[in-house]
Amino acid sequence: MLVHKHLIVRAECLDPPLDPQYVEQWLKNVVELIGMKVCRGPISAYVDVAGNEGATGVVIIETSHIAIHVWDRRTPALVQLDVYTCGEFEPQKIFNALQEFDVQKLEYKYLDREHELIEIPL
């Protein structure tokens, strides 16, 4: 059955990913962890623009996408993550995967986008 689930995460971290290759491997691991399949990517880059420094990456999955953006020059660093799928997944697995970045504060919205934008309580 087709569903439309969207997890948006904002995490303040003490040990953010800095290396684009590390970000790509992390994205691959997350895709596997939530039981999805890679369609293309992941691809990543390090952005070195003043005020916007950090690693960024995206992977296209058969059911949509996962994108991560890191601002590593902040203290604590900021990690923004977007997981959108047309399949079911467990958000807690995403939260667990983020813990390797030494998360100090985590906020999220989990949405059902099937017919409206409805927040799903966890």
PDB file of N, CA and C in Angstrom:
ATOM      1  N   MET A   1       0.836  -1.187   0.000  1.00  0.00           N
ATOM      2  CA  MET A   1       0.000   0.000   0.000  1.00  0.00           C
ATOM      3  C   MET A   1       0.878   1.246   0.000  1.00  0.00           C
ATOM      4  N   LEU A   2       0.568   2.175  -0.843  1.00  0.00           N
ATOM      5  CA  LEU A   2       1.295   3.428  -0.951  1.00  0.00           C
ATOM      6  C   LEU A   2       0.893   4.366   0.186  1.00  0.00           C
ATOM      7  N   VAL A   3       1.877   4.921   0.864  1.00  0.00           N
ATOM      8  CA  VAL A   3       1.648   5.915   1.916  1.00  0.00           C
ATOM      9  C   VAL A   3       2.562   7.105   1.627  1.00  0.00           C
ATOM     10  N   HIS A   4       2.355   8.177   2.336  1.00  0.00           N
ATOM     11  CA  HIS A   4       3.202   9.358   2.175  1.00  0.00           C
ATOM     12  C   HIS A   4       3.608   9.843   3.567  1.00  0.00           C
ATOM     13  N   LYS A   5       4.765   9.386   4.031  1.00  0.00           N
ATOM     14  CA  LYS A   5       5.272   9.744   5.356  1.00  0.00           C
ATOM     15  C   LYS A   5       6.462  10.680   5.199  1.00  0.00           C
ATOM     16  N   HIS A   6       6.509  11.693   6.047  1.00  0.00           N
ATOM     17  CA  HIS A   6       7.569  12.689   5.971  1.00  0.00           C
ATOM     18  C   HIS A   6       8.068  13.005   7.378  1.00  0.00           C
ATOM     19  N   LEU A   7       9.345  12.730   7.605  1.00  0.00           N
ATOM     20  CA  LEU A   7       9.983  13.029   8.884  1.00  0.00           C
ATOM     21  C   LEU A   7      10.959  14.182   8.661  1.00  0.00           C
ATOM     22  N   ILE A   8      10.777  15.232   9.435  1.00  0.00           N
ATOM     23  CA  ILE A   8      11.651  16.401   9.382  1.00  0.00           C
ATOM     24  C   ILE A   8      12.324  16.505  10.747  1.00  0.00           C
ATOM     25  N   VAL A   9      13.657  16.536  10.756  1.00  0.00           N
ATOM     26  CA  VAL A   9      14.410  16.517  12.011  1.00  0.00           C
ATOM     27  C   VAL A   9      15.358  17.713  12.068  1.00  0.00           C
ATOM     28  N   ARG A  10      15.414  18.317  13.242  1.00  0.00           N
ATOM     29  CA  ARG A  10      16.403  19.348  13.561  1.00  0.00           C
ATOM     30  C   ARG A  10      17.153  18.859  14.788  1.00  0.00           C
ATOM     31  N   ALA A  11      18.472  18.675  14.646  1.00  0.00           N
ATOM     32  CA  ALA A  11      19.267  18.141  15.754  1.00  0.00           C
ATOM     33  C   ALA A  11      20.492  19.016  15.997  1.00  0.00           C
ATOM     34  N   GLU A  12      20.708  19.354  17.255  1.00  0.00           N
ATOM     35  CA  GLU A  12      21.921  20.059  17.648  1.00  0.00           C
ATOM     36  C   GLU A  12      22.898  19.005  18.145  1.00  0.00           C
ATOM     37  N   CYS A  13      24.109  19.003  17.565  1.00  0.00           N
ATOM     38  CA  CYS A  13      25.055  17.900  17.784  1.00  0.00           C
ATOM     39  C   CYS A  13      26.443  18.407  18.154  1.00  0.00           C
ATOM     40  N   LEU A  14      27.152  17.593  18.935  1.00  0.00           N
ATOM     41  CA  LEU A  14      28.525  17.931  19.309  1.00  0.00           C
ATOM     42  C   LEU A  14      29.563  17.269  18.412  1.00  0.00           C
ATOM     43  N   ASP A  15      29.176  16.216  17.684  1.00  0.00           N
ATOM     44  CA  ASP A  15      30.116  15.497  16.824  1.00  0.00           C
ATOM     45  C   ASP A  15      29.494  15.295  15.433  1.00  0.00           C
ATOM     46  N   PRO A  16      29.298  16.395  14.696  1.00  0.00           N
ATOM     47  CA  PRO A  16      28.618  16.291  13.400  1.00  0.00           C
ATOM     48  C   PRO A  16      29.511  15.638  12.349  1.00  0.00           C
ATOM     49  N   PRO A  17      28.913  15.067  11.315  1.00  0.00           N
ATOM     50  CA  PRO A  17      29.724  14.535  10.223  1.00  0.00           C
ATOM     51  C   PRO A  17      30.341  15.688   9.436  1.00  0.00           C
ATOM     52  N   LEU A  18      31.634  15.588   9.159  1.00  0.00           N
ATOM     53  CA  LEU A  18      32.350  16.641   8.441  1.00  0.00           C
ATOM     54  C   LEU A  18      32.723  16.225   7.025  1.00  0.00           C
ATOM     55  N   ASP A  19      32.946  14.947   6.832  1.00  0.00           N
ATOM     56  CA  ASP A  19      33.463  14.414   5.580  1.00  0.00           C
ATOM     57  C   ASP A  19      32.317  13.961   4.665  1.00  0.00           C
ATOM     58  N   PRO A  20      32.268  14.444   3.431  1.00  0.00           N
ATOM     59  CA  PRO A  20      31.195  14.040   2.514  1.00  0.00           C
ATOM     60  C   PRO A  20      31.106  12.527   2.300  1.00  0.00           C
ATOM     61  N   GLN A  21      32.252  11.834   2.251  1.00  0.00           N
ATOM     62  CA  GLN A  21      32.203  10.381   2.077  1.00  0.00           C
ATOM     63  C   GLN A  21      31.563   9.706   3.292  1.00  0.00           C
ATOM     64  N   TYR A  22      31.806  10.249   4.461  1.00  0.00           N
ATOM     65  CA  TYR A  22      31.171   9.720   5.668  1.00  0.00           C
ATOM     66  C   TYR A  22      29.655   9.924   5.595  1.00  0.00           C
ATOM     67  N   VAL A  23      29.244  11.089   5.122  1.00  0.00           N
ATOM     68  CA  VAL A  23      27.815  11.392   4.966  1.00  0.00           C
ATOM     69  C   VAL A  23      27.171  10.398   4.003  1.00  0.00           C
ATOM     70  N   GLU A  24      27.851  10.095   2.902  1.00  0.00           N
ATOM     71  CA  GLU A  24      27.315   9.130   1.940  1.00  0.00           C
ATOM     72  C   GLU A  24      27.138   7.750   2.571  1.00  0.00           C
ATOM     73  N   GLN A  25      28.136   7.305   3.340  1.00  0.00           N
ATOM     74  CA  GLN A  25      28.022   5.995   3.989  1.00  0.00           C
ATOM     75  C   GLN A  25      26.909   6.012   5.032  1.00  0.00           C
ATOM     76  N   TRP A  26      26.777   7.101   5.764  1.00  0.00           N
ATOM     77  CA  TRP A  26      25.721   7.225   6.764  1.00  0.00           C
ATOM     78  C   TRP A  26      24.349   7.141   6.087  1.00  0.00           C
ATOM     79  N   LEU A  27      24.197   7.824   4.958  1.00  0.00           N
ATOM     80  CA  LEU A  27      22.929   7.774   4.225  1.00  0.00           C
ATOM     81  C   LEU A  27      22.630   6.353   3.751  1.00  0.00           C
ATOM     82  N   LYS A  28      23.628   5.656   3.226  1.00  0.00           N
ATOM     83  CA  LYS A  28      23.436   4.257   2.809  1.00  0.00           C
ATOM     84  C   LYS A  28      22.972   3.412   3.984  1.00  0.00           C
ATOM     85  N   ASN A  29      23.606   3.609   5.125  1.00  0.00           N
ATOM     86  CA  ASN A  29      23.243   2.845   6.322  1.00  0.00           C
ATOM     87  C   ASN A  29      21.805   3.132   6.745  1.00  0.00           C
ATOM     88  N   VAL A  30      21.391   4.389   6.685  1.00  0.00           N
ATOM     89  CA  VAL A  30      20.030   4.763   7.073  1.00  0.00           C
ATOM     90  C   VAL A  30      19.013   4.136   6.127  1.00  0.00           C
ATOM     91  N   VAL A  31      19.301   4.159   4.838  1.00  0.00           N
ATOM     92  CA  VAL A  31      18.394   3.547   3.864  1.00  0.00           C
ATOM     93  C   VAL A  31      18.187   2.073   4.209  1.00  0.00           C
ATOM     94  N   GLU A  32      19.275   1.372   4.478  1.00  0.00           N
ATOM     95  CA  GLU A  32      19.181  -0.045   4.843  1.00  0.00           C
ATOM     96  C   GLU A  32      18.447  -0.224   6.169  1.00  0.00           C
ATOM     97  N   LEU A  33      18.763   0.629   7.124  1.00  0.00           N
ATOM     98  CA  LEU A  33      18.164   0.543   8.461  1.00  0.00           C
ATOM     99  C   LEU A  33      16.641   0.639   8.425  1.00  0.00           C
ATOM    100  N   ILE A  34      16.110   1.484   7.554  1.00  0.00           N
ATOM    101  CA  ILE A  34      14.654   1.658   7.499  1.00  0.00           C
ATOM    102  C   ILE A  34      13.988   0.769   6.441  1.00  0.00           C
ATOM    103  N   GLY A  35      14.778  -0.126   5.856  1.00  0.00           N
ATOM    104  CA  GLY A  35      14.211  -1.108   4.943  1.00  0.00           C
ATOM    105  C   GLY A  35      13.841  -0.577   3.574  1.00  0.00           C
ATOM    106  N   MET A  36      14.545   0.451   3.127  1.00  0.00           N
ATOM    107  CA  MET A  36      14.287   1.021   1.807  1.00  0.00           C
ATOM    108  C   MET A  36      15.395   0.579   0.846  1.00  0.00           C
ATOM    109  N   LYS A  37      15.290   0.976  -0.411  1.00  0.00           N
ATOM    110  CA  LYS A  37      16.285   0.627  -1.420  1.00  0.00           C
ATOM    111  C   LYS A  37      16.764   1.882  -2.139  1.00  0.00           C
ATOM    112  N   VAL A  38      18.084   1.947  -2.345  1.00  0.00           N
ATOM    113  CA  VAL A  38      18.679   3.070  -3.060  1.00  0.00           C
ATOM    114  C   VAL A  38      18.330   2.973  -4.539  1.00  0.00           C
ATOM    115  N   CYS A  39      17.904   4.101  -5.094  1.00  0.00           N
ATOM    116  CA  CYS A  39      17.634   4.208  -6.520  1.00  0.00           C
ATOM    117  C   CYS A  39      18.816   4.911  -7.202  1.00  0.00           C
ATOM    118  N   ARG A  40      19.280   6.009  -6.604  1.00  0.00           N
ATOM    119  CA  ARG A  40      20.444   6.760  -7.079  1.00  0.00           C
ATOM    120  C   ARG A  40      21.157   7.380  -5.893  1.00  0.00           C
ATOM    121  N   GLY A  41      22.470   7.501  -6.020  1.00  0.00           N
ATOM    122  CA  GLY A  41      23.260   8.140  -4.981  1.00  0.00           C
ATOM    123  C   GLY A  41      23.728   7.138  -3.962  1.00  0.00           C
ATOM    124  N   PRO A  42      24.075   7.611  -2.818  1.00  0.00           N
ATOM    125  CA  PRO A  42      24.005   9.012  -2.382  1.00  0.00           C
ATOM    126  C   PRO A  42      25.100   9.857  -3.019  1.00  0.00           C
ATOM    127  N   ILE A  43      24.853  11.141  -3.015  1.00  0.00           N
ATOM    128  CA  ILE A  43      25.854  12.119  -3.416  1.00  0.00           C
ATOM    129  C   ILE A  43      25.986  13.117  -2.267  1.00  0.00           C
ATOM    130  N   SER A  44      27.170  13.703  -2.170  1.00  0.00           N
ATOM    131  CA  SER A  44      27.394  14.660  -1.088  1.00  0.00           C
ATOM    132  C   SER A  44      28.475  15.649  -1.493  1.00  0.00           C
ATOM    133  N   ALA A  45      28.575  16.693  -0.706  1.00  0.00           N
ATOM    134  CA  ALA A  45      29.588  17.716  -0.936  1.00  0.00           C
ATOM    135  C   ALA A  45      29.817  18.452   0.374  1.00  0.00           C
ATOM    136  N   TYR A  46      30.946  19.130   0.448  1.00  0.00           N
ATOM    137  CA  TYR A  46      31.190  20.026   1.565  1.00  0.00           C
ATOM    138  C   TYR A  46      31.031  21.446   1.034  1.00  0.00           C
ATOM    139  N   VAL A  47      30.148  22.196   1.660  1.00  0.00           N
ATOM    140  CA  VAL A  47      29.907  23.586   1.263  1.00  0.00           C
ATOM    141  C   VAL A  47      30.795  24.473   2.125  1.00  0.00           C
ATOM    142  N   ASP A  48      31.577  25.326   1.482  1.00  0.00           N
ATOM    143  CA  ASP A  48      32.501  26.193   2.210  1.00  0.00           C
ATOM    144  C   ASP A  48      32.164  27.660   1.944  1.00  0.00           C
ATOM    145  N   VAL A  49      30.893  27.990   2.100  1.00  0.00           N
ATOM    146  CA  VAL A  49      30.410  29.355   1.924  1.00  0.00           C
ATOM    147  C   VAL A  49      30.197  29.950   3.313  1.00  0.00           C
ATOM    148  N   ALA A  50      30.742  31.105   3.548  1.00  0.00           N
ATOM    149  CA  ALA A  50      30.651  31.731   4.867  1.00  0.00           C
ATOM    150  C   ALA A  50      29.216  31.721   5.389  1.00  0.00           C
ATOM    151  N   GLY A  51      29.061  31.201   6.591  1.00  0.00           N
ATOM    152  CA  GLY A  51      27.752  31.131   7.219  1.00  0.00           C
ATOM    153  C   GLY A  51      26.959  29.891   6.853  1.00  0.00           C
ATOM    154  N   ASN A  52      27.437  29.139   5.877  1.00  0.00           N
ATOM    155  CA  ASN A  52      26.721  27.950   5.418  1.00  0.00           C
ATOM    156  C   ASN A  52      27.652  26.740   5.314  1.00  0.00           C
ATOM    157  N   GLU A  53      28.759  26.764   6.093  1.00  0.00           N
ATOM    158  CA  GLU A  53      29.744  25.701   6.010  1.00  0.00           C
ATOM    159  C   GLU A  53      29.206  24.384   6.555  1.00  0.00           C
ATOM    160  N   GLY A  54      29.469  23.320   5.812  1.00  0.00           N
ATOM    161  CA  GLY A  54      29.109  22.001   6.300  1.00  0.00           C
ATOM    162  C   GLY A  54      28.853  21.015   5.182  1.00  0.00           C
ATOM    163  N   ALA A  55      28.751  19.763   5.589  1.00  0.00           N
ATOM    164  CA  ALA A  55      28.483  18.685   4.637  1.00  0.00           C
ATOM    165  C   ALA A  55      26.994  18.633   4.326  1.00  0.00           C
ATOM    166  N   THR A  56      26.700  18.228   3.111  1.00  0.00           N
ATOM    167  CA  THR A  56      25.326  18.051   2.696  1.00  0.00           C
ATOM    168  C   THR A  56      25.259  16.832   1.781  1.00  0.00           C
ATOM    169  N   GLY A  57      24.160  16.098   1.856  1.00  0.00           N
ATOM    170  CA  GLY A  57      24.046  14.910   1.027  1.00  0.00           C
ATOM    171  C   GLY A  57      22.601  14.528   0.798  1.00  0.00           C
ATOM    172  N   VAL A  58      22.404  13.766  -0.263  1.00  0.00           N
ATOM    173  CA  VAL A  58      21.066  13.300  -0.604  1.00  0.00           C
ATOM    174  C   VAL A  58      21.171  11.919  -1.240  1.00  0.00           C
ATOM    175  N   VAL A  59      20.149  11.123  -1.006  1.00  0.00           N
ATOM    176  CA  VAL A  59      20.027   9.833  -1.668  1.00  0.00           C
ATOM    177  C   VAL A  59      18.593   9.697  -2.159  1.00  0.00           C
ATOM    178  N   ILE A  60      18.463   9.265  -3.394  1.00  0.00           N
ATOM    179  CA  ILE A  60      17.131   9.001  -3.941  1.00  0.00           C
ATOM    180  C   ILE A  60      16.821   7.542  -3.641  1.00  0.00           C
ATOM    181  N   ILE A  61      15.710   7.320  -2.986  1.00  0.00           N
ATOM    182  CA  ILE A  61      15.290   5.952  -2.688  1.00  0.00           C
ATOM    183  C   ILE A  61      14.081   5.619  -3.556  1.00  0.00           C
ATOM    184  N   GLU A  62      13.814   4.329  -3.715  1.00  0.00           N
ATOM    185  CA  GLU A  62      12.703   3.919  -4.580  1.00  0.00           C
ATOM    186  C   GLU A  62      11.391   4.579  -4.186  1.00  0.00           C
ATOM    187  N   THR A  63      11.296   4.936  -2.916  1.00  0.00           N
ATOM    188  CA  THR A  63      10.055   5.517  -2.428  1.00  0.00           C
ATOM    189  C   THR A  63      10.135   7.031  -2.226  1.00  0.00           C
ATOM    190  N   SER A  64      11.251   7.678  -2.554  1.00  0.00           N
ATOM    191  CA  SER A  64      11.378   9.133  -2.531  1.00  0.00           C
ATOM    192  C   SER A  64      12.808   9.576  -2.255  1.00  0.00           C
ATOM    193  N   HIS A  65      13.089  10.191  -1.083  1.00  0.00           N
ATOM    194  CA  HIS A  65      14.430  10.722  -0.849  1.00  0.00           C
ATOM    195  C   HIS A  65      14.749  10.854   0.640  1.00  0.00           C
ATOM    196  N   ILE A  66      16.059  10.989   0.902  1.00  0.00           N
ATOM    197  CA  ILE A  66      16.559  11.355   2.223  1.00  0.00           C
ATOM    198  C   ILE A  66      17.625  12.415   1.980  1.00  0.00           C
ATOM    199  N   ALA A  67      17.541  13.522   2.703  1.00  0.00           N
ATOM    200  CA  ALA A  67      18.515  14.601   2.558  1.00  0.00           C
ATOM    201  C   ALA A  67      19.005  15.027   3.933  1.00  0.00           C
ATOM    202  N   ILE A  68      20.308  15.325   4.024  1.00  0.00           N
ATOM    203  CA  ILE A  68      20.896  15.800   5.272  1.00  0.00           C
ATOM    204  C   ILE A  68      21.741  17.036   4.974  1.00  0.00           C
ATOM    205  N   HIS A  69      21.660  18.002   5.870  1.00  0.00           N
ATOM    206  CA  HIS A  69      22.451  19.222   5.759  1.00  0.00           C
ATOM    207  C   HIS A  69      23.052  19.497   7.134  1.00  0.00           C
ATOM    208  N   VAL A  70      24.339  19.801   7.154  1.00  0.00           N
ATOM    209  CA  VAL A  70      25.059  20.013   8.408  1.00  0.00           C
ATOM    210  C   VAL A  70      25.687  21.404   8.395  1.00  0.00           C
ATOM    211  N   TRP A  71      25.534  22.110   9.482  1.00  0.00           N
ATOM    212  CA  TRP A  71      26.228  23.382   9.692  1.00  0.00           C
ATOM    213  C   TRP A  71      27.199  23.126  10.832  1.00  0.00           C
ATOM    214  N   ASP A  72      28.470  22.893  10.493  1.00  0.00           N
ATOM    215  CA  ASP A  72      29.438  22.424  11.497  1.00  0.00           C
ATOM    216  C   ASP A  72      30.214  23.525  12.202  1.00  0.00           C
ATOM    217  N   ARG A  73      30.088  24.752  11.773  1.00  0.00           N
ATOM    218  CA  ARG A  73      30.843  25.831  12.423  1.00  0.00           C
ATOM    219  C   ARG A  73      30.067  26.452  13.577  1.00  0.00           C
ATOM    220  N   ARG A  74      28.852  25.974  13.812  1.00  0.00           N
ATOM    221  CA  ARG A  74      28.050  26.417  14.948  1.00  0.00           C
ATOM    222  C   ARG A  74      28.416  25.580  16.159  1.00  0.00           C
ATOM    223  N   THR A  75      28.142  26.086  17.327  1.00  0.00           N
ATOM    224  CA  THR A  75      28.333  25.308  18.547  1.00  0.00           C
ATOM    225  C   THR A  75      27.057  25.394  19.369  1.00  0.00           C
ATOM    226  N   PRO A  76      26.322  24.292  19.495  1.00  0.00           N
ATOM    227  CA  PRO A  76      26.574  23.005  18.853  1.00  0.00           C
ATOM    228  C   PRO A  76      26.270  23.073  17.359  1.00  0.00           C
ATOM    229  N   ALA A  77      26.794  22.098  16.634  1.00  0.00           N
ATOM    230  CA  ALA A  77      26.535  22.021  15.196  1.00  0.00           C
ATOM    231  C   ALA A  77      25.055  21.735  14.969  1.00  0.00           C
ATOM    232  N   LEU A  78      24.572  22.091  13.793  1.00  0.00           N
ATOM    233  CA  LEU A  78      23.174  21.876  13.448  1.00  0.00           C
ATOM    234  C   LEU A  78      23.079  20.851  12.324  1.00  0.00           C
ATOM    235  N   VAL A  79      22.248  19.839  12.534  1.00  0.00           N
ATOM    236  CA  VAL A  79      21.965  18.843  11.505  1.00  0.00           C
ATOM    237  C   VAL A  79      20.480  18.916  11.195  1.00  0.00           C
ATOM    238  N   GLN A  80      20.163  19.124   9.925  1.00  0.00           N
ATOM    239  CA  GLN A  80      18.778  19.126   9.462  1.00  0.00           C
ATOM    240  C   GLN A  80      18.623  17.904   8.564  1.00  0.00           C
ATOM    241  N   LEU A  81      17.586  17.114   8.800  1.00  0.00           N
ATOM    242  CA  LEU A  81      17.378  15.876   8.065  1.00  0.00           C
ATOM    243  C   LEU A  81      15.950  15.809   7.562  1.00  0.00           C
ATOM    244  N   ASP A  82      15.790  15.323   6.345  1.00  0.00           N
ATOM    245  CA  ASP A  82      14.492  15.213   5.708  1.00  0.00           C
ATOM    246  C   ASP A  82      14.361  13.792   5.160  1.00  0.00           C
ATOM    247  N   VAL A  83      13.365  13.052   5.636  1.00  0.00           N
ATOM    248  CA  VAL A  83      13.120  11.688   5.162  1.00  0.00           C
ATOM    249  C   VAL A  83      11.687  11.641   4.653  1.00  0.00           C
ATOM    250  N   TYR A  84      11.541  11.466   3.344  1.00  0.00           N
ATOM    251  CA  TYR A  84      10.211  11.388   2.756  1.00  0.00           C
ATOM    252  C   TYR A  84      10.099  10.070   2.011  1.00  0.00           C
ATOM    253  N   THR A  85       9.080   9.289   2.337  1.00  0.00           N
ATOM    254  CA  THR A  85       8.918   8.004   1.661  1.00  0.00           C
ATOM    255  C   THR A  85       7.448   7.732   1.368  1.00  0.00           C
ATOM    256  N   CYS A  86       7.250   6.887   0.396  1.00  0.00           N
ATOM    257  CA  CYS A  86       5.915   6.380   0.078  1.00  0.00           C
ATOM    258  C   CYS A  86       5.748   4.991   0.677  1.00  0.00           C
ATOM    259  N   GLY A  87       6.576   4.683   1.658  1.00  0.00           N
ATOM    260  CA  GLY A  87       6.516   3.412   2.372  1.00  0.00           C
ATOM    261  C   GLY A  87       6.607   3.657   3.864  1.00  0.00           C
ATOM    262  N   GLU A  88       6.180   2.698   4.631  1.00  0.00           N
ATOM    263  CA  GLU A  88       6.234   2.806   6.092  1.00  0.00           C
ATOM    264  C   GLU A  88       7.679   2.671   6.586  1.00  0.00           C
ATOM    265  N   PHE A  89       8.010   3.387   7.645  1.00  0.00           N
ATOM    266  CA  PHE A  89       9.297   3.234   8.327  1.00  0.00           C
ATOM    267  C   PHE A  89       9.124   3.661   9.772  1.00  0.00           C
ATOM    268  N   GLU A  90      10.082   3.276  10.600  1.00  0.00           N
ATOM    269  CA  GLU A  90      10.046   3.604  12.022  1.00  0.00           C
ATOM    270  C   GLU A  90      10.942   4.806  12.298  1.00  0.00           C
ATOM    271  N   PRO A  91      10.382   5.969  12.613  1.00  0.00           N
ATOM    272  CA  PRO A  91      11.187   7.154  12.891  1.00  0.00           C
ATOM    273  C   PRO A  91      12.239   6.941  13.988  1.00  0.00           C
ATOM    274  N   GLN A  92      11.945   6.093  14.960  1.00  0.00           N
ATOM    275  CA  GLN A  92      12.908   5.869  16.042  1.00  0.00           C
ATOM    276  C   GLN A  92      14.242   5.343  15.509  1.00  0.00           C
ATOM    277  N   LYS A  93      14.208   4.595  14.415  1.00  0.00           N
ATOM    278  CA  LYS A  93      15.452   4.106  13.815  1.00  0.00           C
ATOM    279  C   LYS A  93      16.297   5.265  13.294  1.00  0.00           C
ATOM    280  N   ILE A  94      15.647   6.296  12.779  1.00  0.00           N
ATOM    281  CA  ILE A  94      16.353   7.498  12.324  1.00  0.00           C
ATOM    282  C   ILE A  94      16.955   8.227  13.523  1.00  0.00           C
ATOM    283  N   PHE A  95      16.157   8.385  14.578  1.00  0.00           N
ATOM    284  CA  PHE A  95      16.658   9.056  15.787  1.00  0.00           C
ATOM    285  C   PHE A  95      17.870   8.311  16.342  1.00  0.00           C
ATOM    286  N   ASN A  96      17.818   6.990  16.350  1.00  0.00           N
ATOM    287  CA  ASN A  96      18.942   6.182  16.840  1.00  0.00           C
ATOM    288  C   ASN A  96      20.186   6.393  15.975  1.00  0.00           C
ATOM    289  N   ALA A  97      20.014   6.438  14.659  1.00  0.00           N
ATOM    290  CA  ALA A  97      21.150   6.633  13.755  1.00  0.00           C
ATOM    291  C   ALA A  97      21.803   7.999  13.968  1.00  0.00           C
ATOM    292  N   LEU A  98      21.014   8.999  14.295  1.00  0.00           N
ATOM    293  CA  LEU A  98      21.546  10.342  14.532  1.00  0.00           C
ATOM    294  C   LEU A  98      22.392  10.414  15.806  1.00  0.00           C
ATOM    295  N   GLN A  99      22.192   9.498  16.732  1.00  0.00           N
ATOM    296  CA  GLN A  99      22.906   9.545  18.008  1.00  0.00           C
ATOM    297  C   GLN A  99      24.420   9.462  17.842  1.00  0.00           C
ATOM    298  N   GLU A 100      24.899   8.906  16.732  1.00  0.00           N
ATOM    299  CA  GLU A 100      26.354   8.848  16.541  1.00  0.00           C
ATOM    300  C   GLU A 100      26.966  10.235  16.359  1.00  0.00           C
ATOM    301  N   PHE A 101      26.129  11.247  16.158  1.00  0.00           N
ATOM    302  CA  PHE A 101      26.610  12.623  16.043  1.00  0.00           C
ATOM    303  C   PHE A 101      26.586  13.340  17.394  1.00  0.00           C
ATOM    304  N   ASP A 102      26.367  12.605  18.465  1.00  0.00           N
ATOM    305  CA  ASP A 102      26.294  13.137  19.833  1.00  0.00           C
ATOM    306  C   ASP A 102      25.218  14.238  19.923  1.00  0.00           C
ATOM    307  N   VAL A 103      23.996  13.830  19.669  1.00  0.00           N
ATOM    308  CA  VAL A 103      22.851  14.748  19.681  1.00  0.00           C
ATOM    309  C   VAL A 103      22.604  15.275  21.094  1.00  0.00           C
ATOM    310  N   GLN A 104      22.502  16.588  21.209  1.00  0.00           N
ATOM    311  CA  GLN A 104      22.203  17.243  22.482  1.00  0.00           C
ATOM    312  C   GLN A 104      20.743  17.672  22.558  1.00  0.00           C
ATOM    313  N   LYS A 105      20.179  17.970  21.408  1.00  0.00           N
ATOM    314  CA  LYS A 105      18.777  18.398  21.343  1.00  0.00           C
ATOM    315  C   LYS A 105      18.224  17.912  20.007  1.00  0.00           C
ATOM    316  N   LEU A 106      17.049  17.289  20.056  1.00  0.00           N
ATOM    317  CA  LEU A 106      16.435  16.780  18.840  1.00  0.00           C
ATOM    318  C   LEU A 106      14.970  17.198  18.801  1.00  0.00           C
ATOM    319  N   GLU A 107      14.586  17.801  17.689  1.00  0.00           N
ATOM    320  CA  GLU A 107      13.193  18.175  17.463  1.00  0.00           C
ATOM    321  C   GLU A 107      12.771  17.571  16.136  1.00  0.00           C
ATOM    322  N   TYR A 108      11.491  17.248  16.015  1.00  0.00           N
ATOM    323  CA  TYR A 108      11.035  16.644  14.771  1.00  0.00           C
ATOM    324  C   TYR A 108       9.548  16.905  14.547  1.00  0.00           C
ATOM    325  N   LYS A 109       9.170  16.736  13.315  1.00  0.00           N
ATOM    326  CA  LYS A 109       7.768  16.684  12.906  1.00  0.00           C
ATOM    327  C   LYS A 109       7.651  15.435  12.045  1.00  0.00           C
ATOM    328  N   TYR A 110       6.633  14.634  12.313  1.00  0.00           N
ATOM    329  CA  TYR A 110       6.378  13.439  11.533  1.00  0.00           C
ATOM    330  C   TYR A 110       5.002  13.614  10.911  1.00  0.00           C
ATOM    331  N   LEU A 111       4.958  13.651   9.600  1.00  0.00           N
ATOM    332  CA  LEU A 111       3.730  14.010   8.893  1.00  0.00           C
ATOM    333  C   LEU A 111       3.214  12.882   8.015  1.00  0.00           C
ATOM    334  N   ASP A 112       1.902  12.804   7.937  1.00  0.00           N
ATOM    335  CA  ASP A 112       1.224  11.978   6.948  1.00  0.00           C
ATOM    336  C   ASP A 112       0.785  12.949   5.864  1.00  0.00           C
ATOM    337  N   ARG A 113       1.304  12.771   4.651  1.00  0.00           N
ATOM    338  CA  ARG A 113       1.011  13.691   3.554  1.00  0.00           C
ATOM    339  C   ARG A 113       0.075  13.066   2.515  1.00  0.00           C
ATOM    340  N   GLU A 114      -0.600  11.986   2.888  1.00  0.00           N
ATOM    341  CA  GLU A 114      -1.447  11.269   1.938  1.00  0.00           C
ATOM    342  C   GLU A 114      -2.516  12.171   1.316  1.00  0.00           C
ATOM    343  N   HIS A 115      -3.321  12.828   2.146  1.00  0.00           N
ATOM    344  CA  HIS A 115      -4.396  13.675   1.629  1.00  0.00           C
ATOM    345  C   HIS A 115      -4.304  15.104   2.158  1.00  0.00           C
ATOM    346  N   GLU A 116      -3.705  15.268   3.321  1.00  0.00           N
ATOM    347  CA  GLU A 116      -3.479  16.564   3.950  1.00  0.00           C
ATOM    348  C   GLU A 116      -2.158  16.468   4.685  1.00  0.00           C
ATOM    349  N   LEU A 117      -1.711  17.550   5.275  1.00  0.00           N
ATOM    350  CA  LEU A 117      -0.531  17.509   6.127  1.00  0.00           C
ATOM    351  C   LEU A 117      -0.987  17.294   7.558  1.00  0.00           C
ATOM    352  N   ILE A 118      -0.925  16.040   7.990  1.00  0.00           N
ATOM    353  CA  ILE A 118      -1.404  15.681   9.326  1.00  0.00           C
ATOM    354  C   ILE A 118      -0.224  15.210  10.149  1.00  0.00           C
ATOM    355  N   GLU A 119      -0.002  15.849  11.305  1.00  0.00           N
ATOM    356  CA  GLU A 119       1.087  15.443  12.173  1.00  0.00           C
ATOM    357  C   GLU A 119       0.744  14.105  12.834  1.00  0.00           C
ATOM    358  N   ILE A 120       1.709  13.187  12.824  1.00  0.00           N
ATOM    359  CA  ILE A 120       1.532  11.859  13.424  1.00  0.00           C
ATOM    360  C   ILE A 120       2.261  11.845  14.764  1.00  0.00           C
ATOM    361  N   PRO A 121       1.564  11.585  15.847  1.00  0.00           N
ATOM    362  CA  PRO A 121       2.232  11.483  17.141  1.00  0.00           C
ATOM    363  C   PRO A 121       3.038  10.180  17.222  1.00  0.00           C
ATOM    364  N   LEU A 122       4.172  10.235  17.892  1.00  0.00           N
ATOM    365  CA  LEU A 122       4.982   9.020  18.104  1.00  0.00           C
ATOM    366  C   LEU A 122       4.828   8.544  19.533  1.00  0.00           C
TER     367      LEU A 122
END
